[in-house]
Amino acid sequence: MIIEQIYTGCLAQGAYYIQSASEVAIIDPLREVSPYIEKAEANAAKIKYVFETHFHADFVSGHVDLSKQTGAPIVYGPNANPSFEAHIAKDNEEFKIGNITMKVLHTPGHTMESTCYLLIDEKGKETALFSGDTLFIGDVGRPDLAQKATNMTQEDLAGILFDSLRNKIMPLNDDIMVYPAHGAGSSCGKNISNETTDTLGNQKKYNYALRANMTRKEFIKEVTFGLTPPPAYFPLNVKLNQEGYESFEDVMKKGTHALDPEAFEAVANETGAILLDTRDPQTFAQGFVPNSVNIGIDGNFAPWIGTLIPDIKQKILIIADQGREEEVVTRLARVGFDYAIGYLKGGINAWKAAGKEVDQIESVTPEELAKRMQGGTKVNILDVRKNTEYDIGHLNQAENMALDYINDNMAQVDKNKTYYVHCGVGYRSMIFNSILRARGYDKLIDVKGGFKALKESGKFDISPYVYPSTI
């Protein structure tokens, strides 16, 4: 038997490859499905089932394409209502994969179709639980995402989740391995551990939501406490996962259309496409196509794309490091942004060689900022980290304006004032600066290295450290 977690860091997402004898099951696959097919072929095996734990909100699953290309049926748990052909399993229904069995455990609460899959090995022993977004390591799935679809409150869904955990999961043996759909960094939970697997026994001991003496009322209060609004793209991804989508191959073909500088400029003017520059933030600052937005491919790229671009049908033109264009299109498609229409052939160097205009954003070190503040000179400092990060510790002079809500709060930035902008380490501040720069704000200065560098410089007044809540 083979159990392989295929973890994708930028989405904090775990897909699973399970093989017994010559048969394979895939759980919660990513949008690009060729790696699963190639792995099965290399192991002289055939993909028999594609199991989905629920309609995902934070990424577009590869279930539809994988089923079409392999003939393997898509399996959902009870209450699922997809627009495409799928097997809607009954609670406790069993599926054979080679010499092992996968048992359906319907565990509503995160969503009403949420389902875990319990693996029973060749000897009949319950061995592994593929828990989707029902149970994470250190946390459970947030109960506020399905409110509109179910006409329930988050408290109603939290109560249902309490019952699912107590009646279906906590009675299972402590030595069962838990394989969740997400790790730390996912917006599907609020307290997810950096670990991506654990024993159920450890989770019963250390996961706050699985305390044995916890009442239903306490669970509802703790699970719903501190929830921030989910990213705007979540319901759009649910819709794609439920109704289907354009094939990944067609999306790739459109997005990887090479455009020379003249053609790139013409298409940009004709379509109103977003100019998305995915290079390193500091490299971007030194020279970029005017009005382009920087969201670096080497950071939390896909979640920020989904958070900051409200329309997944928005046309996108790509400026990337040469050789990474396909990677960018792939990672856009993972969160449903299928309307990339080409990229700048030769990148920024080709743009410059063609004599096109280049813009820049000033970026200063903490030491330079300190010099500019000498003699009590007042400067405006924007901290664009999350509110919770700001509360834990911040520059006393800084005002908090979280990047997450820039589209709503942009009017609070005065175009006539100069601002020094920082985040945690410099990734988010450049996103913030580039978005506002493209909208006519030309007095924003980036602070290299973010709050980490500012704090380490020892040149600024920092608020007292506040230990973060674990709930």
Protein backbone atom coordinates (compact mmCIF):
# COMPACT_ATOMS: atom_id res chain seq x y z
CA MET A 1 0.00 0.00 0.00
CA ILE A 2 1.20 3.51 -0.88
CA ILE A 3 -0.07 6.68 0.77
CA GLU A 4 1.55 9.82 -0.61
CA GLN A 5 0.68 13.35 0.42
CA ILE A 6 1.28 15.72 -2.48
CA TYR A 7 1.61 19.06 -0.72
CA THR A 8 1.48 22.42 -2.49
CA GLY A 9 2.93 25.15 -0.29
CA CYS A 10 1.50 28.23 -1.98
CA LEU A 11 -2.03 26.90 -1.35
CA ALA A 12 -1.14 25.05 1.87
CA GLN A 13 -3.04 22.17 0.25
CA GLY A 14 -2.62 18.43 0.49
CA ALA A 15 -3.79 16.11 -2.28
CA TYR A 16 -3.39 12.34 -1.83
CA TYR A 17 -2.25 9.44 -3.98
CA ILE A 18 -3.30 6.05 -2.53
CA GLN A 19 -2.37 2.80 -4.25
CA SER A 20 -3.02 -0.83 -3.45
CA ALA A 21 -2.05 -3.57 -5.89
CA SER A 22 -2.59 -2.00 -9.31
CA GLU A 23 -5.43 0.37 -8.36
CA VAL A 24 -5.22 4.03 -7.30
CA ALA A 25 -7.45 6.56 -5.60
CA ILE A 26 -6.76 10.28 -5.77
CA ILE A 27 -8.19 12.59 -3.11
CA ASP A 28 -8.71 16.33 -3.72
CA PRO A 29 -6.43 16.67 -6.78
CA LEU A 30 -5.00 19.98 -7.96
CA ARG A 31 -6.10 21.56 -11.25
CA GLU A 32 -3.18 20.15 -13.29
CA VAL A 33 -3.77 16.39 -13.35
CA SER A 34 -0.92 15.01 -15.47
CA PRO A 35 1.33 14.36 -12.41
CA TYR A 36 -1.24 11.94 -10.95
CA ILE A 37 -1.70 10.12 -14.23
CA GLU A 38 2.05 9.88 -14.80
CA LYS A 39 2.63 8.59 -11.26
CA ALA A 40 0.03 5.86 -11.69
CA GLU A 41 1.48 4.86 -15.07
CA ALA A 42 5.00 4.72 -13.60
CA ASN A 43 3.66 2.38 -10.92
CA ALA A 44 1.86 0.21 -13.50
CA ALA A 45 -1.46 1.13 -11.90
CA LYS A 46 -4.82 2.56 -12.95
CA ILE A 47 -6.70 5.41 -11.26
CA LYS A 48 -9.96 3.87 -10.12
CA TYR A 49 -11.61 6.67 -8.10
CA VAL A 50 -11.35 10.43 -7.66
CA PHE A 51 -12.57 11.25 -4.14
CA GLU A 52 -13.62 14.80 -3.25
CA THR A 53 -14.01 15.74 0.40
CA HIS A 54 -16.27 18.73 -0.41
CA PHE A 55 -16.71 21.61 -2.83
CA HIS A 56 -13.46 23.45 -2.22
CA ALA A 57 -13.50 27.24 -1.86
CA ASP A 58 -9.80 28.09 -1.86
CA PHE A 59 -8.72 26.27 -5.03
CA VAL A 60 -10.13 24.67 -8.16
CA SER A 61 -9.87 20.90 -7.98
CA GLY A 62 -8.73 18.77 -10.89
CA HIS A 63 -11.55 16.29 -10.40
CA VAL A 64 -13.39 17.02 -13.66
CA ASP A 65 -10.31 16.82 -15.92
CA LEU A 66 -8.91 13.80 -14.08
CA SER A 67 -12.17 11.90 -14.45
CA LYS A 68 -12.43 12.75 -18.16
CA GLN A 69 -8.86 11.67 -18.87
CA THR A 70 -8.92 8.40 -16.88
CA GLY A 71 -12.55 7.34 -16.80
CA ALA A 72 -12.41 7.18 -13.00
CA PRO A 73 -15.69 8.25 -11.40
CA ILE A 74 -15.80 11.31 -9.14
CA VAL A 75 -17.06 10.44 -5.66
CA TYR A 76 -18.67 12.91 -3.24
CA GLY A 77 -20.32 12.32 0.09
CA PRO A 78 -24.00 12.86 0.88
CA ASN A 79 -25.68 16.22 0.10
CA ALA A 80 -23.38 17.00 -2.84
CA ASN A 81 -25.19 18.28 -5.93
CA PRO A 82 -22.64 18.75 -8.73
CA SER A 83 -23.69 19.74 -12.26
CA PHE A 84 -21.58 16.96 -13.77
CA GLU A 85 -21.78 13.19 -13.49
CA ALA A 86 -20.57 11.91 -10.11
CA HIS A 87 -21.25 9.14 -7.64
CA ILE A 88 -22.93 10.59 -4.54
CA ALA A 89 -22.00 8.13 -1.82
CA LYS A 90 -24.09 7.13 1.17
CA ASP A 91 -22.75 7.49 4.68
CA ASN A 92 -20.63 4.40 5.55
CA GLU A 93 -20.52 3.28 1.91
CA GLU A 94 -17.31 1.39 1.08
CA PHE A 95 -15.09 1.41 -2.01
CA LYS A 96 -12.45 -1.19 -2.84
CA ILE A 97 -9.05 -0.08 -4.14
CA GLY A 98 -6.90 -3.13 -4.70
CA ASN A 99 -6.70 -4.87 -1.32
CA ILE A 100 -7.81 -1.91 0.78
CA THR A 101 -11.17 -0.30 1.49
CA MET A 102 -12.17 3.37 1.64
CA LYS A 103 -15.14 4.04 3.91
CA VAL A 104 -17.28 7.18 3.64
CA LEU A 105 -17.81 9.17 6.85
CA HIS A 106 -20.23 12.01 6.27
CA THR A 107 -19.04 14.89 8.49
CA PRO A 108 -21.05 18.05 7.71
CA GLY A 109 -20.30 21.37 9.36
CA HIS A 110 -17.59 23.04 7.33
CA THR A 111 -19.97 22.50 4.43
CA MET A 112 -23.02 20.26 4.38
CA GLU A 113 -21.47 17.78 1.93
CA SER A 114 -18.14 17.62 3.82
CA THR A 115 -16.96 14.03 4.00
CA CYS A 116 -13.96 12.19 5.42
CA TYR A 117 -12.59 8.96 3.97
CA LEU A 118 -11.46 6.24 6.36
CA LEU A 119 -8.85 3.85 4.95
CA ILE A 120 -9.10 0.23 6.06
CA ASP A 121 -5.93 -1.70 5.20
CA GLU A 122 -5.39 -5.21 3.81
CA LYS A 123 -5.76 -6.73 7.28
CA GLY A 124 -9.02 -4.94 8.03
CA LYS A 125 -7.42 -2.35 10.32
CA GLU A 126 -8.60 1.28 10.26
CA THR A 127 -5.35 3.01 9.38
CA ALA A 128 -5.78 6.52 8.00
CA LEU A 129 -8.37 9.30 7.92
CA PHE A 130 -8.43 11.70 4.98
CA SER A 131 -10.23 14.47 6.79
CA GLY A 132 -10.60 17.18 4.14
CA ASP A 133 -11.51 20.48 5.78
CA THR A 134 -13.40 18.84 8.63
CA LEU A 135 -10.32 18.26 10.80
CA PHE A 136 -6.96 19.98 10.43
CA ILE A 137 -3.85 19.51 12.52
CA GLY A 138 -4.48 21.89 15.42
CA ASP A 139 -7.82 23.14 14.15
CA VAL A 140 -11.10 22.36 12.41
CA GLY A 141 -12.70 23.81 9.29
CA ARG A 142 -14.26 27.24 9.59
CA PRO A 143 -18.06 26.99 9.76
CA ASP A 144 -18.94 30.26 8.02
CA LEU A 145 -18.34 29.48 4.34
CA ALA A 146 -21.58 27.65 3.57
CA GLN A 147 -23.99 30.02 5.32
CA LYS A 148 -25.56 31.46 2.18
CA ALA A 149 -25.91 28.09 0.44
CA THR A 150 -27.55 26.48 3.45
CA ASN A 151 -29.55 29.41 4.88
CA MET A 152 -27.85 28.72 8.20
CA THR A 153 -25.80 30.85 10.55
CA GLN A 154 -22.17 30.09 11.31
CA GLU A 155 -23.32 29.06 14.77
CA ASP A 156 -25.75 26.54 13.24
CA LEU A 157 -22.97 25.06 11.11
CA ALA A 158 -20.56 25.02 14.05
CA GLY A 159 -23.06 23.00 16.02
CA ILE A 160 -23.37 20.50 13.18
CA LEU A 161 -19.57 20.30 13.00
CA PHE A 162 -19.45 19.60 16.75
CA ASP A 163 -21.75 16.61 16.24
CA SER A 164 -19.73 15.33 13.27
CA LEU A 165 -16.47 15.43 15.23
CA ARG A 166 -17.93 13.84 18.36
CA ASN A 167 -20.00 11.16 16.63
CA LYS A 168 -17.83 10.21 13.63
CA ILE A 169 -14.19 11.10 14.28
CA MET A 170 -13.41 11.17 18.00
CA PRO A 171 -14.63 7.57 18.56
CA LEU A 172 -11.99 6.31 16.08
CA ASN A 173 -8.76 4.70 17.34
CA ASP A 174 -5.97 6.98 18.54
CA ASP A 175 -3.34 5.41 16.27
CA ILE A 176 -5.14 6.39 13.06
CA MET A 177 -3.11 8.86 10.99
CA VAL A 178 -4.92 12.07 10.07
CA TYR A 179 -4.29 13.45 6.58
CA PRO A 180 -6.03 16.83 6.20
CA ALA A 181 -6.59 18.91 3.08
CA HIS A 182 -4.69 21.94 4.39
CA GLY A 183 -1.82 23.11 6.56
CA ALA A 184 -0.74 26.43 8.07
CA GLY A 185 -1.42 29.42 5.85
CA SER A 186 -4.77 28.25 4.54
CA SER A 187 -7.75 30.57 4.99
CA CYS A 188 -9.98 27.53 5.58
CA GLY A 189 -8.98 27.50 9.26
CA LYS A 190 -7.59 29.99 11.76
CA ASN A 191 -5.20 28.00 13.95
CA ILE A 192 -3.78 25.32 11.63
CA SER A 193 -0.46 23.75 12.65
CA ASN A 194 2.68 23.77 10.52
CA GLU A 195 2.55 19.97 10.66
CA THR A 196 0.58 18.36 7.84
CA THR A 197 -0.11 14.93 9.43
CA ASP A 198 -0.53 13.59 12.96
CA THR A 199 -2.13 10.76 14.88
CA LEU A 200 -5.72 11.19 15.90
CA GLY A 201 -4.66 10.51 19.48
CA ASN A 202 -2.38 13.53 19.50
CA GLN A 203 -5.13 15.66 18.04
CA LYS A 204 -7.49 14.57 20.81
CA LYS A 205 -4.87 15.81 23.27
CA TYR A 206 -3.70 19.02 21.65
CA ASN A 207 -6.35 20.27 19.21
CA TYR A 208 -8.44 22.84 21.10
CA ALA A 209 -11.59 21.84 19.20
CA LEU A 210 -11.36 18.17 20.26
CA ARG A 211 -11.23 18.64 24.04
CA ALA A 212 -13.07 15.74 25.60
CA ASN A 213 -14.83 17.90 28.19
CA MET A 214 -15.86 20.60 25.72
CA THR A 215 -19.54 21.47 25.64
CA ARG A 216 -21.42 22.20 22.45
CA LYS A 217 -21.84 25.83 23.53
CA GLU A 218 -18.11 26.20 24.23
CA PHE A 219 -17.22 24.64 20.88
CA ILE A 220 -19.47 27.01 18.95
CA LYS A 221 -18.05 30.03 20.77
CA GLU A 222 -14.39 29.05 20.31
CA VAL A 223 -14.67 27.89 16.69
CA THR A 224 -16.48 31.06 15.56
CA PHE A 225 -14.36 33.48 17.64
CA GLY A 226 -12.02 35.71 15.64
CA LEU A 227 -13.09 34.61 12.17
CA THR A 228 -12.19 37.20 9.56
CA PRO A 229 -14.16 37.54 6.31
CA PRO A 230 -13.15 34.86 3.79
CA PRO A 231 -11.40 35.96 0.58
CA ALA A 232 -13.79 37.21 -2.09
CA TYR A 233 -12.85 34.47 -4.56
CA PHE A 234 -14.01 31.61 -2.30
CA PRO A 235 -17.64 31.44 -3.56
CA LEU A 236 -16.40 31.75 -7.15
CA ASN A 237 -14.17 28.70 -6.71
CA VAL A 238 -17.01 26.76 -5.10
CA LYS A 239 -19.11 27.50 -8.18
CA LEU A 240 -16.38 26.21 -10.52
CA ASN A 241 -15.89 23.06 -8.44
CA GLN A 242 -19.61 22.42 -8.40
CA GLU A 243 -20.42 23.25 -12.01
CA GLY A 244 -17.21 22.42 -13.90
CA TYR A 245 -14.70 24.51 -15.81
CA GLU A 246 -12.64 24.91 -18.98
CA SER A 247 -9.99 22.25 -19.51
CA PHE A 248 -6.59 23.01 -18.00
CA GLU A 249 -4.88 22.42 -21.36
CA ASP A 250 -6.99 25.12 -23.05
CA VAL A 251 -6.29 27.56 -20.22
CA MET A 252 -2.56 26.91 -20.55
CA LYS A 253 -2.63 27.43 -24.31
CA LYS A 254 -4.29 30.84 -23.97
CA GLY A 255 -2.13 32.01 -21.10
CA THR A 256 1.22 31.06 -22.59
CA HIS A 257 0.72 33.04 -25.81
CA ALA A 258 3.96 35.00 -26.30
CA LEU A 259 3.59 38.70 -27.18
CA ASP A 260 6.42 40.99 -28.24
CA PRO A 261 6.43 44.45 -26.58
CA GLU A 262 4.40 46.09 -29.37
CA ALA A 263 1.77 43.37 -29.34
CA PHE A 264 1.74 43.26 -25.53
CA GLU A 265 1.08 47.00 -25.35
CA ALA A 266 -1.62 46.80 -28.02
CA VAL A 267 -3.44 43.92 -26.34
CA ALA A 268 -3.25 45.70 -22.98
CA ASN A 269 -4.84 48.81 -24.45
CA GLU A 270 -7.51 46.87 -26.33
CA THR A 271 -8.60 44.57 -23.50
CA GLY A 272 -8.02 46.53 -20.29
CA ALA A 273 -6.23 43.47 -18.93
CA ILE A 274 -4.45 43.63 -15.58
CA LEU A 275 -0.69 43.73 -16.10
CA LEU A 276 0.56 41.17 -13.58
CA ASP A 277 4.29 41.26 -12.81
CA THR A 278 5.31 38.16 -10.86
CA ARG A 279 8.99 38.93 -10.29
CA ASP A 280 10.75 39.43 -6.96
CA PRO A 281 9.44 42.59 -5.22
CA GLN A 282 12.76 44.44 -5.08
CA THR A 283 13.59 43.52 -8.68
CA PHE A 284 10.17 44.83 -9.68
CA ALA A 285 10.76 48.13 -7.83
CA GLN A 286 13.85 48.86 -9.90
CA GLY A 287 11.93 48.92 -13.18
CA PHE A 288 8.52 47.77 -14.39
CA VAL A 289 5.93 48.29 -17.09
CA PRO A 290 3.82 51.31 -16.03
CA ASN A 291 0.54 50.42 -14.30
CA SER A 292 1.59 46.82 -13.66
CA VAL A 293 0.85 45.14 -10.33
CA ASN A 294 3.48 43.07 -8.53
CA ILE A 295 2.43 39.79 -6.89
CA GLY A 296 5.58 37.72 -6.67
CA ILE A 297 5.42 34.09 -7.76
CA ASP A 298 7.71 33.06 -4.89
CA GLY A 299 5.34 34.20 -2.15
CA ASN A 300 1.72 33.32 -1.32
CA PHE A 301 0.89 34.03 -4.93
CA ALA A 302 -2.42 32.26 -5.56
CA PRO A 303 -4.19 33.33 -2.34
CA TRP A 304 -3.24 36.97 -2.91
CA ILE A 305 -4.41 36.81 -6.51
CA GLY A 306 -7.75 35.52 -5.28
CA THR A 307 -7.99 38.07 -2.49
CA LEU A 308 -7.10 41.17 -4.51
CA ILE A 309 -8.61 40.57 -7.97
CA PRO A 310 -12.37 40.49 -7.39
CA ASP A 311 -13.38 39.06 -10.79
CA ILE A 312 -11.97 35.65 -11.78
CA LYS A 313 -12.93 36.43 -15.39
CA GLN A 314 -10.65 39.47 -15.44
CA LYS A 315 -8.23 39.29 -18.38
CA ILE A 316 -4.59 39.11 -17.27
CA LEU A 317 -1.33 39.80 -19.11
CA ILE A 318 1.77 38.35 -17.51
CA ILE A 319 5.26 39.78 -16.98
CA ALA A 320 7.48 37.07 -15.52
CA ASP A 321 11.05 35.92 -15.19
CA GLN A 322 11.90 34.12 -18.41
CA GLY A 323 11.07 30.43 -18.22
CA ARG A 324 8.43 30.79 -15.49
CA GLU A 325 5.46 31.82 -17.62
CA GLU A 326 3.83 28.35 -17.57
CA GLU A 327 4.22 28.22 -13.80
CA VAL A 328 2.38 31.52 -13.47
CA VAL A 329 -0.51 30.39 -15.68
CA THR A 330 -0.73 27.11 -13.76
CA ARG A 331 -0.89 28.82 -10.42
CA LEU A 332 -3.49 31.29 -11.63
CA ALA A 333 -5.63 28.40 -12.86
CA ARG A 334 -5.40 26.67 -9.49
CA VAL A 335 -7.59 29.40 -8.03
CA GLY A 336 -9.88 29.78 -11.04
CA PHE A 337 -8.22 32.68 -12.82
CA ASP A 338 -8.47 31.17 -16.30
CA TYR A 339 -8.35 34.35 -18.35
CA ALA A 340 -4.63 34.94 -18.73
CA ILE A 341 -4.31 35.93 -22.40
CA GLY A 342 -0.57 36.04 -22.92
CA TYR A 343 2.81 37.12 -21.58
CA LEU A 344 5.53 39.62 -22.42
CA LYS A 345 8.05 37.71 -24.56
CA GLY A 346 11.56 38.43 -23.30
CA GLY A 347 10.21 39.98 -20.09
CA ILE A 348 11.13 43.43 -18.84
CA ASN A 349 14.46 43.38 -20.71
CA ALA A 350 12.63 43.15 -24.03
CA TRP A 351 10.35 45.98 -22.95
CA LYS A 352 13.34 48.20 -22.15
CA ALA A 353 15.14 47.23 -25.37
CA ALA A 354 12.08 48.32 -27.34
CA GLY A 355 12.44 51.78 -25.83
CA LYS A 356 9.22 51.56 -23.85
CA GLU A 357 8.57 53.65 -20.74
CA VAL A 358 9.65 52.10 -17.44
CA ASP A 359 8.37 53.06 -13.99
CA GLN A 360 10.01 52.61 -10.56
CA ILE A 361 9.10 52.54 -6.88
CA GLU A 362 11.52 53.97 -4.35
CA SER A 363 12.62 51.44 -1.72
CA VAL A 364 14.61 52.36 1.40
CA THR A 365 16.31 50.42 4.19
CA PRO A 366 15.23 50.83 7.82
CA GLU A 367 18.47 52.76 8.41
CA GLU A 368 17.61 55.25 5.67
CA LEU A 369 14.12 55.67 7.08
CA ALA A 370 15.60 56.34 10.53
CA LYS A 371 17.82 59.06 9.03
CA ARG A 372 14.80 60.73 7.45
CA MET A 373 13.11 60.76 10.86
CA GLN A 374 16.03 62.41 12.66
CA GLY A 375 15.31 65.58 14.60
CA GLY A 376 11.75 64.54 15.20
CA THR A 377 10.75 64.83 11.57
CA LYS A 378 7.26 63.37 11.31
CA VAL A 379 6.67 60.81 8.58
CA ASN A 380 3.63 58.76 7.64
CA ILE A 381 4.17 55.02 8.05
CA LEU A 382 1.68 52.42 6.82
CA ASP A 383 1.83 48.86 8.18
CA VAL A 384 -0.05 46.67 5.69
CA ARG A 385 0.09 43.43 7.68
CA LYS A 386 -3.05 41.79 9.00
CA ASN A 387 -4.70 43.46 12.00
CA THR A 388 -3.74 40.51 14.20
CA GLU A 389 -0.07 40.84 13.24
CA TYR A 390 -0.17 44.57 13.95
CA ASP A 391 -1.75 43.97 17.36
CA ILE A 392 1.02 41.56 18.35
CA GLY A 393 3.71 44.20 17.75
CA HIS A 394 4.21 47.29 15.57
CA LEU A 395 6.04 50.59 15.17
CA ASN A 396 4.41 53.12 17.46
CA GLN A 397 4.38 55.64 14.61
CA ALA A 398 2.68 53.27 12.16
CA GLU A 399 -0.93 53.21 11.05
CA ASN A 400 -2.41 49.83 10.18
CA MET A 401 -4.04 49.34 6.77
CA ALA A 402 -4.19 45.64 5.94
CA LEU A 403 -3.45 44.69 2.34
CA ASP A 404 -6.39 42.27 2.46
CA TYR A 405 -8.86 45.17 2.34
CA ILE A 406 -7.03 47.60 0.07
CA ASN A 407 -9.87 47.67 -2.45
CA ASP A 408 -12.23 48.89 0.28
CA ASN A 409 -9.86 51.21 2.17
CA MET A 410 -7.86 52.86 -0.61
CA ALA A 411 -9.66 56.18 -0.13
CA GLN A 412 -8.07 56.49 3.33
CA VAL A 413 -4.67 57.05 1.68
CA ASP A 414 -4.09 60.74 0.87
CA LYS A 415 -2.59 61.12 -2.62
CA ASN A 416 -0.87 64.32 -1.54
CA LYS A 417 1.05 62.72 1.34
CA THR A 418 4.23 60.66 1.27
CA TYR A 419 3.94 57.27 2.98
CA TYR A 420 6.57 54.73 3.97
CA VAL A 421 4.97 51.31 3.56
CA HIS A 422 6.01 48.04 5.18
CA CYS A 423 4.63 44.57 5.84
CA GLY A 424 6.28 41.58 7.51
CA VAL A 425 9.31 41.00 5.27
CA GLY A 426 8.63 43.06 2.12
CA TYR A 427 6.39 40.89 -0.07
CA ARG A 428 3.00 42.41 0.71
CA SER A 429 4.15 46.02 0.87
CA MET A 430 5.24 45.90 -2.76
CA ILE A 431 1.85 44.50 -3.74
CA PHE A 432 0.21 47.37 -1.87
CA ASN A 433 2.50 49.98 -3.39
CA SER A 434 2.12 48.68 -6.93
CA ILE A 435 -1.68 48.55 -6.76
CA LEU A 436 -1.90 52.13 -5.57
CA ARG A 437 0.81 53.23 -7.99
CA ALA A 438 -1.29 51.89 -10.85
CA ARG A 439 -4.19 53.96 -9.51
CA GLY A 440 -2.29 57.22 -9.46
CA TYR A 441 -0.67 57.25 -6.01
CA ASP A 442 2.94 58.30 -6.65
CA LYS A 443 4.17 59.19 -3.14
CA LEU A 444 4.54 55.69 -1.70
CA ILE A 445 7.98 54.49 -0.59
CA ASP A 446 8.67 50.85 0.20
CA VAL A 447 10.61 49.77 3.31
CA LYS A 448 12.95 46.86 2.53
CA GLY A 449 12.69 43.83 4.78
CA GLY A 450 9.47 44.95 6.44
CA PHE A 451 8.72 44.87 10.15
CA LYS A 452 11.33 42.17 10.74
CA ALA A 453 14.12 44.42 9.46
CA LEU A 454 12.70 47.50 11.19
CA LYS A 455 12.63 45.71 14.52
CA GLU A 456 16.10 44.19 14.11
CA SER A 457 17.60 47.59 13.27
CA GLY A 458 16.92 48.77 16.83
CA LYS A 459 16.20 52.28 15.58
CA PHE A 460 12.46 52.48 16.12
CA ASP A 461 9.99 52.54 18.99
CA ILE A 462 8.16 49.21 18.99
CA SER A 463 4.92 48.55 20.86
CA PRO A 464 5.05 45.99 23.69
CA TYR A 465 4.79 42.40 22.44
CA VAL A 466 1.32 40.91 22.88
CA TYR A 467 1.14 37.10 22.92
CA PRO A 468 -1.35 36.00 20.27
CA SER A 469 -4.48 34.09 21.20
CA THR A 470 -4.36 30.39 20.36
CA ILE A 471 -8.07 30.40 19.63
